[in-house]
Amino acid sequence: MAYTNKAYANAVRDGMFNTDDVPAHVAREIREYEAAIDQHSQIVMRMRRDEFSDRDFADTMIEYSEEAIGDMVCAVRELREKRKESIKSAALSHNDDMRKVAECAA
């Protein structure tokens, strides 16, 4: 049975991992997070198998990977928020500059 992390699935559904609207360096970082999430998802699927006699250890690893995925989803969310704030700040600075130019010209 395939494993799907709910936090990651919701983030994908919400477009958080879509890189069409971000600069190349941000897109690369988001893709790296997504690759790491994929690796942790594979760990969860593998550790669920019956081959592991130490179920406590396997369950601990599953929990660790699920938490790591959640943390990476949060990191991407924060990365996008920082980007929004940076864009907003740049727009405000531009507006301030244009206002100063207009004041000087008057």
PDB file of N, CA and C in Angstrom:
ATOM      1  N   MET A   1       0.843  -1.175   0.000  1.00  0.00           N
ATOM      2  CA  MET A   1       0.000   0.000   0.000  1.00  0.00           C
ATOM      3  C   MET A   1       0.894   1.245   0.000  1.00  0.00           C
ATOM      4  N   ALA A   2       0.605   2.159  -0.855  1.00  0.00           N
ATOM      5  CA  ALA A   2       1.408   3.387  -0.966  1.00  0.00           C
ATOM      6  C   ALA A   2       1.185   4.277   0.249  1.00  0.00           C
ATOM      7  N   TYR A   3       2.221   4.976   0.595  1.00  0.00           N
ATOM      8  CA  TYR A   3       2.174   5.882   1.732  1.00  0.00           C
ATOM      9  C   TYR A   3       1.985   7.308   1.230  1.00  0.00           C
ATOM     10  N   THR A   4       1.107   8.040   1.860  1.00  0.00           N
ATOM     11  CA  THR A   4       0.917   9.453   1.560  1.00  0.00           C
ATOM     12  C   THR A   4       0.876  10.219   2.877  1.00  0.00           C
ATOM     13  N   ASN A   5       1.785  11.171   3.011  1.00  0.00           N
ATOM     14  CA  ASN A   5       1.788  12.029   4.192  1.00  0.00           C
ATOM     15  C   ASN A   5       0.728  13.106   4.000  1.00  0.00           C
ATOM     16  N   LYS A   6      -0.152  13.243   4.966  1.00  0.00           N
ATOM     17  CA  LYS A   6      -1.290  14.168   4.846  1.00  0.00           C
ATOM     18  C   LYS A   6      -0.844  15.629   4.712  1.00  0.00           C
ATOM     19  N   ALA A   7       0.134  16.051   5.496  1.00  0.00           N
ATOM     20  CA  ALA A   7       0.605  17.438   5.435  1.00  0.00           C
ATOM     21  C   ALA A   7       1.187  17.742   4.058  1.00  0.00           C
ATOM     22  N   TYR A   8       1.962  16.811   3.521  1.00  0.00           N
ATOM     23  CA  TYR A   8       2.555  16.994   2.203  1.00  0.00           C
ATOM     24  C   TYR A   8       1.473  16.981   1.124  1.00  0.00           C
ATOM     25  N   ALA A   9       0.558  16.047   1.203  1.00  0.00           N
ATOM     26  CA  ALA A   9      -0.521  15.958   0.204  1.00  0.00           C
ATOM     27  C   ALA A   9      -1.345  17.245   0.191  1.00  0.00           C
ATOM     28  N   ASN A  10      -1.654  17.779   1.368  1.00  0.00           N
ATOM     29  CA  ASN A  10      -2.407  19.032   1.440  1.00  0.00           C
ATOM     30  C   ASN A  10      -1.617  20.194   0.859  1.00  0.00           C
ATOM     31  N   ALA A  11      -0.312  20.226   1.133  1.00  0.00           N
ATOM     32  CA  ALA A  11       0.537  21.300   0.614  1.00  0.00           C
ATOM     33  C   ALA A  11       0.618  21.230  -0.911  1.00  0.00           C
ATOM     34  N   VAL A  12       0.719  20.040  -1.450  1.00  0.00           N
ATOM     35  CA  VAL A  12       0.745  19.871  -2.911  1.00  0.00           C
ATOM     36  C   VAL A  12      -0.591  20.331  -3.495  1.00  0.00           C
ATOM     37  N   ARG A  13      -1.667  19.920  -2.870  1.00  0.00           N
ATOM     38  CA  ARG A  13      -3.004  20.319  -3.332  1.00  0.00           C
ATOM     39  C   ARG A  13      -3.152  21.847  -3.344  1.00  0.00           C
ATOM     40  N   ASP A  14      -2.556  22.493  -2.346  1.00  0.00           N
ATOM     41  CA  ASP A  14      -2.632  23.953  -2.240  1.00  0.00           C
ATOM     42  C   ASP A  14      -1.633  24.674  -3.138  1.00  0.00           C
ATOM     43  N   GLY A  15      -0.815  23.918  -3.873  1.00  0.00           N
ATOM     44  CA  GLY A  15       0.132  24.516  -4.812  1.00  0.00           C
ATOM     45  C   GLY A  15       1.429  24.992  -4.192  1.00  0.00           C
ATOM     46  N   MET A  16       1.686  24.614  -2.956  1.00  0.00           N
ATOM     47  CA  MET A  16       2.885  25.095  -2.281  1.00  0.00           C
ATOM     48  C   MET A  16       4.176  24.580  -2.923  1.00  0.00           C
ATOM     49  N   PHE A  17       4.110  23.443  -3.579  1.00  0.00           N
ATOM     50  CA  PHE A  17       5.307  22.881  -4.210  1.00  0.00           C
ATOM     51  C   PHE A  17       5.372  23.183  -5.709  1.00  0.00           C
ATOM     52  N   ASN A  18       4.451  23.993  -6.195  1.00  0.00           N
ATOM     53  CA  ASN A  18       4.479  24.443  -7.578  1.00  0.00           C
ATOM     54  C   ASN A  18       5.565  25.513  -7.681  1.00  0.00           C
ATOM     55  N   THR A  19       6.469  25.331  -8.597  1.00  0.00           N
ATOM     56  CA  THR A  19       7.605  26.254  -8.695  1.00  0.00           C
ATOM     57  C   THR A  19       7.494  27.213  -9.879  1.00  0.00           C
ATOM     58  N   ASP A  20       6.342  27.263 -10.519  1.00  0.00           N
ATOM     59  CA  ASP A  20       6.168  28.139 -11.682  1.00  0.00           C
ATOM     60  C   ASP A  20       6.256  29.625 -11.330  1.00  0.00           C
ATOM     61  N   ASP A  21       5.913  29.980 -10.100  1.00  0.00           N
ATOM     62  CA  ASP A  21       5.801  31.396  -9.728  1.00  0.00           C
ATOM     63  C   ASP A  21       6.962  31.908  -8.876  1.00  0.00           C
ATOM     64  N   VAL A  22       8.059  31.157  -8.853  1.00  0.00           N
ATOM     65  CA  VAL A  22       9.186  31.570  -8.005  1.00  0.00           C
ATOM     66  C   VAL A  22      10.468  31.633  -8.829  1.00  0.00           C
ATOM     67  N   PRO A  23      11.445  32.421  -8.367  1.00  0.00           N
ATOM     68  CA  PRO A  23      12.729  32.479  -9.073  1.00  0.00           C
ATOM     69  C   PRO A  23      13.442  31.114  -9.038  1.00  0.00           C
ATOM     70  N   ALA A  24      14.393  30.962  -9.930  1.00  0.00           N
ATOM     71  CA  ALA A  24      15.096  29.672 -10.083  1.00  0.00           C
ATOM     72  C   ALA A  24      15.723  29.178  -8.786  1.00  0.00           C
ATOM     73  N   HIS A  25      16.344  30.067  -8.004  1.00  0.00           N
ATOM     74  CA  HIS A  25      17.009  29.602  -6.779  1.00  0.00           C
ATOM     75  C   HIS A  25      15.993  29.106  -5.748  1.00  0.00           C
ATOM     76  N   VAL A  26      14.825  29.706  -5.701  1.00  0.00           N
ATOM     77  CA  VAL A  26      13.772  29.246  -4.781  1.00  0.00           C
ATOM     78  C   VAL A  26      13.193  27.930  -5.292  1.00  0.00           C
ATOM     79  N   ALA A  27      13.007  27.826  -6.592  1.00  0.00           N
ATOM     80  CA  ALA A  27      12.487  26.594  -7.186  1.00  0.00           C
ATOM     81  C   ALA A  27      13.412  25.416  -6.888  1.00  0.00           C
ATOM     82  N   ARG A  28      14.723  25.651  -7.003  1.00  0.00           N
ATOM     83  CA  ARG A  28      15.699  24.587  -6.700  1.00  0.00           C
ATOM     84  C   ARG A  28      15.557  24.127  -5.256  1.00  0.00           C
ATOM     85  N   GLU A  29      15.431  25.090  -4.352  1.00  0.00           N
ATOM     86  CA  GLU A  29      15.316  24.731  -2.936  1.00  0.00           C
ATOM     87  C   GLU A  29      14.029  23.939  -2.683  1.00  0.00           C
ATOM     88  N   ILE A  30      12.942  24.360  -3.278  1.00  0.00           N
ATOM     89  CA  ILE A  30      11.675  23.645  -3.115  1.00  0.00           C
ATOM     90  C   ILE A  30      11.795  22.226  -3.676  1.00  0.00           C
ATOM     91  N   ARG A  31      12.431  22.074  -4.826  1.00  0.00           N
ATOM     92  CA  ARG A  31      12.620  20.731  -5.399  1.00  0.00           C
ATOM     93  C   ARG A  31      13.479  19.854  -4.501  1.00  0.00           C
ATOM     94  N   GLU A  32      14.484  20.440  -3.862  1.00  0.00           N
ATOM     95  CA  GLU A  32      15.333  19.666  -2.939  1.00  0.00           C
ATOM     96  C   GLU A  32      14.525  19.199  -1.726  1.00  0.00           C
ATOM     97  N   TYR A  33      13.681  20.092  -1.199  1.00  0.00           N
ATOM     98  CA  TYR A  33      12.803  19.676  -0.100  1.00  0.00           C
ATOM     99  C   TYR A  33      11.895  18.537  -0.552  1.00  0.00           C
ATOM    100  N   GLU A  34      11.357  18.660  -1.753  1.00  0.00           N
ATOM    101  CA  GLU A  34      10.452  17.628  -2.249  1.00  0.00           C
ATOM    102  C   GLU A  34      11.172  16.289  -2.428  1.00  0.00           C
ATOM    103  N   ALA A  35      12.418  16.330  -2.889  1.00  0.00           N
ATOM    104  CA  ALA A  35      13.203  15.100  -3.028  1.00  0.00           C
ATOM    105  C   ALA A  35      13.449  14.460  -1.662  1.00  0.00           C
ATOM    106  N   ALA A  36      13.747  15.282  -0.673  1.00  0.00           N
ATOM    107  CA  ALA A  36      13.970  14.757   0.684  1.00  0.00           C
ATOM    108  C   ALA A  36      12.674  14.178   1.251  1.00  0.00           C
ATOM    109  N   ILE A  37      11.560  14.832   0.972  1.00  0.00           N
ATOM    110  CA  ILE A  37      10.257  14.313   1.422  1.00  0.00           C
ATOM    111  C   ILE A  37      10.007  12.955   0.791  1.00  0.00           C
ATOM    112  N   ASP A  38      10.334  12.818  -0.490  1.00  0.00           N
ATOM    113  CA  ASP A  38      10.163  11.539  -1.172  1.00  0.00           C
ATOM    114  C   ASP A  38      11.008  10.451  -0.504  1.00  0.00           C
ATOM    115  N   GLN A  39      12.230  10.799  -0.141  1.00  0.00           N
ATOM    116  CA  GLN A  39      13.093   9.814   0.518  1.00  0.00           C
ATOM    117  C   GLN A  39      12.521   9.393   1.873  1.00  0.00           C
ATOM    118  N   HIS A  40      12.001  10.344   2.629  1.00  0.00           N
ATOM    119  CA  HIS A  40      11.406   9.992   3.925  1.00  0.00           C
ATOM    120  C   HIS A  40      10.134   9.170   3.732  1.00  0.00           C
ATOM    121  N   SER A  41       9.381   9.449   2.678  1.00  0.00           N
ATOM    122  CA  SER A  41       8.189   8.639   2.389  1.00  0.00           C
ATOM    123  C   SER A  41       8.574   7.202   2.082  1.00  0.00           C
ATOM    124  N   GLN A  42       9.676   7.033   1.364  1.00  0.00           N
ATOM    125  CA  GLN A  42      10.154   5.678   1.073  1.00  0.00           C
ATOM    126  C   GLN A  42      10.586   4.959   2.345  1.00  0.00           C
ATOM    127  N   ILE A  43      11.198   5.699   3.261  1.00  0.00           N
ATOM    128  CA  ILE A  43      11.583   5.098   4.549  1.00  0.00           C
ATOM    129  C   ILE A  43      10.341   4.599   5.277  1.00  0.00           C
ATOM    130  N   VAL A  44       9.301   5.431   5.315  1.00  0.00           N
ATOM    131  CA  VAL A  44       8.063   5.028   5.991  1.00  0.00           C
ATOM    132  C   VAL A  44       7.520   3.746   5.364  1.00  0.00           C
ATOM    133  N   MET A  45       7.448   3.707   4.034  1.00  0.00           N
ATOM    134  CA  MET A  45       6.913   2.508   3.369  1.00  0.00           C
ATOM    135  C   MET A  45       7.750   1.277   3.677  1.00  0.00           C
ATOM    136  N   ARG A  46       9.071   1.435   3.669  1.00  0.00           N
ATOM    137  CA  ARG A  46       9.942   0.286   3.933  1.00  0.00           C
ATOM    138  C   ARG A  46       9.847  -0.170   5.387  1.00  0.00           C
ATOM    139  N   MET A  47       9.775   0.765   6.298  1.00  0.00           N
ATOM    140  CA  MET A  47       9.761   0.400   7.717  1.00  0.00           C
ATOM    141  C   MET A  47       8.425  -0.206   8.138  1.00  0.00           C
ATOM    142  N   ARG A  48       7.406  -0.074   7.332  1.00  0.00           N
ATOM    143  CA  ARG A  48       6.108  -0.693   7.627  1.00  0.00           C
ATOM    144  C   ARG A  48       6.087  -2.185   7.313  1.00  0.00           C
ATOM    145  N   ARG A  49       7.090  -2.671   6.602  1.00  0.00           N
ATOM    146  CA  ARG A  49       7.131  -4.075   6.206  1.00  0.00           C
ATOM    147  C   ARG A  49       7.279  -4.975   7.420  1.00  0.00           C
ATOM    148  N   ASP A  50       6.846  -6.204   7.252  1.00  0.00           N
ATOM    149  CA  ASP A  50       6.911  -7.197   8.326  1.00  0.00           C
ATOM    150  C   ASP A  50       8.312  -7.747   8.554  1.00  0.00           C
ATOM    151  N   GLU A  51       9.248  -7.436   7.648  1.00  0.00           N
ATOM    152  CA  GLU A  51      10.591  -7.991   7.763  1.00  0.00           C
ATOM    153  C   GLU A  51      11.341  -7.496   8.999  1.00  0.00           C
ATOM    154  N   PHE A  52      10.905  -6.411   9.572  1.00  0.00           N
ATOM    155  CA  PHE A  52      11.609  -5.845  10.725  1.00  0.00           C
ATOM    156  C   PHE A  52      11.094  -6.462  12.019  1.00  0.00           C
ATOM    157  N   SER A  53      11.972  -7.181  12.670  1.00  0.00           N
ATOM    158  CA  SER A  53      11.576  -7.864  13.910  1.00  0.00           C
ATOM    159  C   SER A  53      11.467  -6.892  15.083  1.00  0.00           C
ATOM    160  N   ASP A  54      12.212  -5.812  15.029  1.00  0.00           N
ATOM    161  CA  ASP A  54      12.166  -4.806  16.097  1.00  0.00           C
ATOM    162  C   ASP A  54      11.138  -3.741  15.708  1.00  0.00           C
ATOM    163  N   ARG A  55       9.867  -4.033  15.996  1.00  0.00           N
ATOM    164  CA  ARG A  55       8.787  -3.130  15.606  1.00  0.00           C
ATOM    165  C   ARG A  55       8.884  -1.787  16.326  1.00  0.00           C
ATOM    166  N   ASP A  56       9.389  -1.770  17.545  1.00  0.00           N
ATOM    167  CA  ASP A  56       9.528  -0.497  18.250  1.00  0.00           C
ATOM    168  C   ASP A  56      10.484   0.426  17.502  1.00  0.00           C
ATOM    169  N   PHE A  57      11.608  -0.131  17.062  1.00  0.00           N
ATOM    170  CA  PHE A  57      12.564   0.667  16.302  1.00  0.00           C
ATOM    171  C   PHE A  57      11.955   1.119  14.978  1.00  0.00           C
ATOM    172  N   ALA A  58      11.294   0.201  14.273  1.00  0.00           N
ATOM    173  CA  ALA A  58      10.676   0.540  12.992  1.00  0.00           C
ATOM    174  C   ALA A  58       9.638   1.636  13.176  1.00  0.00           C
ATOM    175  N   ASP A  59       8.828   1.526  14.208  1.00  0.00           N
ATOM    176  CA  ASP A  59       7.810   2.544  14.475  1.00  0.00           C
ATOM    177  C   ASP A  59       8.435   3.892  14.836  1.00  0.00           C
ATOM    178  N   THR A  60       9.560   3.863  15.534  1.00  0.00           N
ATOM    179  CA  THR A  60      10.280   5.101  15.859  1.00  0.00           C
ATOM    180  C   THR A  60      10.793   5.761  14.587  1.00  0.00           C
ATOM    181  N   MET A  61      11.318   4.968  13.672  1.00  0.00           N
ATOM    182  CA  MET A  61      11.815   5.511  12.408  1.00  0.00           C
ATOM    183  C   MET A  61      10.677   6.077  11.558  1.00  0.00           C
ATOM    184  N   ILE A  62       9.537   5.410  11.586  1.00  0.00           N
ATOM    185  CA  ILE A  62       8.358   5.906  10.869  1.00  0.00           C
ATOM    186  C   ILE A  62       7.944   7.260  11.447  1.00  0.00           C
ATOM    187  N   GLU A  63       7.886   7.322  12.757  1.00  0.00           N
ATOM    188  CA  GLU A  63       7.508   8.574  13.422  1.00  0.00           C
ATOM    189  C   GLU A  63       8.499   9.696  13.099  1.00  0.00           C
ATOM    190  N   TYR A  64       9.781   9.363  13.122  1.00  0.00           N
ATOM    191  CA  TYR A  64      10.818  10.348  12.804  1.00  0.00           C
ATOM    192  C   TYR A  64      10.640  10.880  11.381  1.00  0.00           C
ATOM    193  N   SER A  65      10.427   9.974  10.435  1.00  0.00           N
ATOM    194  CA  SER A  65      10.285  10.385   9.036  1.00  0.00           C
ATOM    195  C   SER A  65       9.020  11.203   8.815  1.00  0.00           C
ATOM    196  N   GLU A  66       7.930  10.819   9.453  1.00  0.00           N
ATOM    197  CA  GLU A  66       6.699  11.591   9.321  1.00  0.00           C
ATOM    198  C   GLU A  66       6.871  12.999   9.896  1.00  0.00           C
ATOM    199  N   GLU A  67       7.567  13.096  11.001  1.00  0.00           N
ATOM    200  CA  GLU A  67       7.833  14.410  11.602  1.00  0.00           C
ATOM    201  C   GLU A  67       8.748  15.236  10.694  1.00  0.00           C
ATOM    202  N   ALA A  68       9.744  14.596  10.120  1.00  0.00           N
ATOM    203  CA  ALA A  68      10.662  15.292   9.208  1.00  0.00           C
ATOM    204  C   ALA A  68       9.913  15.826   7.991  1.00  0.00           C
ATOM    205  N   ILE A  69       9.000  15.051   7.454  1.00  0.00           N
ATOM    206  CA  ILE A  69       8.203  15.503   6.317  1.00  0.00           C
ATOM    207  C   ILE A  69       7.388  16.732   6.719  1.00  0.00           C
ATOM    208  N   GLY A  70       6.745  16.673   7.865  1.00  0.00           N
ATOM    209  CA  GLY A  70       5.972  17.818   8.350  1.00  0.00           C
ATOM    210  C   GLY A  70       6.837  19.056   8.525  1.00  0.00           C
ATOM    211  N   ASP A  71       8.044  18.850   9.042  1.00  0.00           N
ATOM    212  CA  ASP A  71       8.965  19.976   9.222  1.00  0.00           C
ATOM    213  C   ASP A  71       9.382  20.579   7.881  1.00  0.00           C
ATOM    214  N   MET A  72       9.583  19.727   6.882  1.00  0.00           N
ATOM    215  CA  MET A  72       9.985  20.236   5.563  1.00  0.00           C
ATOM    216  C   MET A  72       8.834  20.963   4.877  1.00  0.00           C
ATOM    217  N   VAL A  73       7.621  20.488   5.071  1.00  0.00           N
ATOM    218  CA  VAL A  73       6.458  21.205   4.543  1.00  0.00           C
ATOM    219  C   VAL A  73       6.396  22.597   5.172  1.00  0.00           C
ATOM    220  N   CYS A  74       6.635  22.677   6.479  1.00  0.00           N
ATOM    221  CA  CYS A  74       6.658  23.979   7.161  1.00  0.00           C
ATOM    222  C   CYS A  74       7.782  24.860   6.627  1.00  0.00           C
ATOM    223  N   ALA A  75       8.923  24.265   6.336  1.00  0.00           N
ATOM    224  CA  ALA A  75      10.057  25.037   5.811  1.00  0.00           C
ATOM    225  C   ALA A  75       9.717  25.633   4.448  1.00  0.00           C
ATOM    226  N   VAL A  76       9.026  24.875   3.613  1.00  0.00           N
ATOM    227  CA  VAL A  76       8.628  25.401   2.301  1.00  0.00           C
ATOM    228  C   VAL A  76       7.592  26.506   2.474  1.00  0.00           C
ATOM    229  N   ARG A  77       6.663  26.303   3.404  1.00  0.00           N
ATOM    230  CA  ARG A  77       5.663  27.342   3.685  1.00  0.00           C
ATOM    231  C   ARG A  77       6.358  28.631   4.141  1.00  0.00           C
ATOM    232  N   GLU A  78       7.329  28.512   5.032  1.00  0.00           N
ATOM    233  CA  GLU A  78       8.068  29.682   5.516  1.00  0.00           C
ATOM    234  C   GLU A  78       8.882  30.325   4.396  1.00  0.00           C
ATOM    235  N   LEU A  79       9.467  29.510   3.530  1.00  0.00           N
ATOM    236  CA  LEU A  79      10.223  30.027   2.387  1.00  0.00           C
ATOM    237  C   LEU A  79       9.311  30.870   1.492  1.00  0.00           C
ATOM    238  N   ARG A  80       8.121  30.366   1.241  1.00  0.00           N
ATOM    239  CA  ARG A  80       7.169  31.114   0.416  1.00  0.00           C
ATOM    240  C   ARG A  80       6.707  32.392   1.121  1.00  0.00           C
ATOM    241  N   GLU A  81       6.493  32.331   2.431  1.00  0.00           N
ATOM    242  CA  GLU A  81       6.086  33.524   3.178  1.00  0.00           C
ATOM    243  C   GLU A  81       7.174  34.593   3.140  1.00  0.00           C
ATOM    244  N   LYS A  82       8.424  34.182   3.319  1.00  0.00           N
ATOM    245  CA  LYS A  82       9.543  35.122   3.243  1.00  0.00           C
ATOM    246  C   LYS A  82       9.598  35.766   1.868  1.00  0.00           C
ATOM    247  N   ARG A  83       9.342  34.981   0.844  1.00  0.00           N
ATOM    248  CA  ARG A  83       9.345  35.500  -0.523  1.00  0.00           C
ATOM    249  C   ARG A  83       8.246  36.546  -0.692  1.00  0.00           C
ATOM    250  N   LYS A  84       7.052  36.259  -0.167  1.00  0.00           N
ATOM    251  CA  LYS A  84       5.952  37.224  -0.243  1.00  0.00           C
ATOM    252  C   LYS A  84       6.313  38.523   0.469  1.00  0.00           C
ATOM    253  N   GLU A  85       6.892  38.388   1.659  1.00  0.00           N
ATOM    254  CA  GLU A  85       7.285  39.572   2.429  1.00  0.00           C
ATOM    255  C   GLU A  85       8.356  40.368   1.694  1.00  0.00           C
ATOM    256  N   SER A  86       9.292  39.673   1.065  1.00  0.00           N
ATOM    257  CA  SER A  86      10.350  40.334   0.322  1.00  0.00           C
ATOM    258  C   SER A  86       9.768  41.115  -0.854  1.00  0.00           C
ATOM    259  N   ILE A  87       8.817  40.513  -1.553  1.00  0.00           N
ATOM    260  CA  ILE A  87       8.175  41.190  -2.681  1.00  0.00           C
ATOM    261  C   ILE A  87       7.394  42.403  -2.190  1.00  0.00           C
ATOM    262  N   LYS A  88       6.666  42.218  -1.084  1.00  0.00           N
ATOM    263  CA  LYS A  88       5.883  43.320  -0.527  1.00  0.00           C
ATOM    264  C   LYS A  88       6.798  44.456  -0.084  1.00  0.00           C
ATOM    265  N   SER A  89       7.892  44.121   0.553  1.00  0.00           N
ATOM    266  CA  SER A  89       8.849  45.129   1.011  1.00  0.00           C
ATOM    267  C   SER A  89       9.454  45.877  -0.167  1.00  0.00           C
ATOM    268  N   ALA A  90       9.799  45.152  -1.220  1.00  0.00           N
ATOM    269  CA  ALA A  90      10.369  45.793  -2.405  1.00  0.00           C
ATOM    270  C   ALA A  90       9.362  46.733  -3.043  1.00  0.00           C
ATOM    271  N   ALA A  91       8.102  46.339  -3.072  1.00  0.00           N
ATOM    272  CA  ALA A  91       7.063  47.195  -3.658  1.00  0.00           C
ATOM    273  C   ALA A  91       6.875  48.453  -2.817  1.00  0.00           C
ATOM    274  N   LEU A  92       6.880  48.304  -1.504  1.00  0.00           N
ATOM    275  CA  LEU A  92       6.741  49.467  -0.630  1.00  0.00           C
ATOM    276  C   LEU A  92       7.922  50.418  -0.795  1.00  0.00           C
ATOM    277  N   SER A  93       9.120  49.864  -0.890  1.00  0.00           N
ATOM    278  CA  SER A  93      10.311  50.689  -1.087  1.00  0.00           C
ATOM    279  C   SER A  93      10.225  51.440  -2.411  1.00  0.00           C
ATOM    280  N   HIS A  94       9.779  50.763  -3.425  1.00  0.00           N
ATOM    281  CA  HIS A  94       9.631  51.398  -4.734  1.00  0.00           C
ATOM    282  C   HIS A  94       8.612  52.542  -4.655  1.00  0.00           C
ATOM    283  N   ASN A  95       7.495  52.289  -3.976  1.00  0.00           N
ATOM    284  CA  ASN A  95       6.476  53.328  -3.827  1.00  0.00           C
ATOM    285  C   ASN A  95       7.017  54.517  -3.048  1.00  0.00           C
ATOM    286  N   ASP A  96       7.789  54.256  -2.000  1.00  0.00           N
ATOM    287  CA  ASP A  96       8.406  55.343  -1.226  1.00  0.00           C
ATOM    288  C   ASP A  96       9.355  56.145  -2.101  1.00  0.00           C
ATOM    289  N   ASP A  97      10.163  55.456  -2.894  1.00  0.00           N
ATOM    290  CA  ASP A  97      11.108  56.128  -3.794  1.00  0.00           C
ATOM    291  C   ASP A  97      10.373  57.001  -4.803  1.00  0.00           C
ATOM    292  N   MET A  98       9.298  56.463  -5.370  1.00  0.00           N
ATOM    293  CA  MET A  98       8.552  57.221  -6.368  1.00  0.00           C
ATOM    294  C   MET A  98       7.886  58.461  -5.737  1.00  0.00           C
ATOM    295  N   ARG A  99       7.415  58.308  -4.493  1.00  0.00           N
ATOM    296  CA  ARG A  99       6.813  59.438  -3.781  1.00  0.00           C
ATOM    297  C   ARG A  99       7.859  60.528  -3.534  1.00  0.00           C
ATOM    298  N   LYS A 100       9.068  60.116  -3.150  1.00  0.00           N
ATOM    299  CA  LYS A 100      10.146  61.092  -2.912  1.00  0.00           C
ATOM    300  C   LYS A 100      10.523  61.814  -4.206  1.00  0.00           C
ATOM    301  N   VAL A 101      10.557  61.068  -5.309  1.00  0.00           N
ATOM    302  CA  VAL A 101      10.881  61.691  -6.596  1.00  0.00           C
ATOM    303  C   VAL A 101       9.798  62.705  -6.954  1.00  0.00           C
ATOM    304  N   ALA A 102       8.542  62.325  -6.733  1.00  0.00           N
ATOM    305  CA  ALA A 102       7.436  63.236  -7.038  1.00  0.00           C
ATOM    306  C   ALA A 102       7.495  64.474  -6.164  1.00  0.00           C
ATOM    307  N   GLU A 103       7.855  64.318  -4.887  1.00  0.00           N
ATOM    308  CA  GLU A 103       7.961  65.456  -3.966  1.00  0.00           C
ATOM    309  C   GLU A 103       9.087  66.396  -4.409  1.00  0.00           C
ATOM    310  N   CYS A 104      10.183  65.843  -4.828  1.00  0.00           N
ATOM    311  CA  CYS A 104      11.321  66.657  -5.279  1.00  0.00           C
ATOM    312  C   CYS A 104      10.982  67.413  -6.557  1.00  0.00           C
ATOM    313  N   ALA A 105      10.189  66.771  -7.424  1.00  0.00           N
ATOM    314  CA  ALA A 105       9.837  67.396  -8.691  1.00  0.00           C
ATOM    315  C   ALA A 105       8.803  68.511  -8.520  1.00  0.00           C
ATOM    316  N   ALA A 106       8.077  68.462  -7.421  1.00  0.00           N
ATOM    317  CA  ALA A 106       7.006  69.457  -7.201  1.00  0.00           C
ATOM    318  C   ALA A 106       7.519  70.786  -6.736  1.00  0.00           C
TER     319      ALA A 106
END
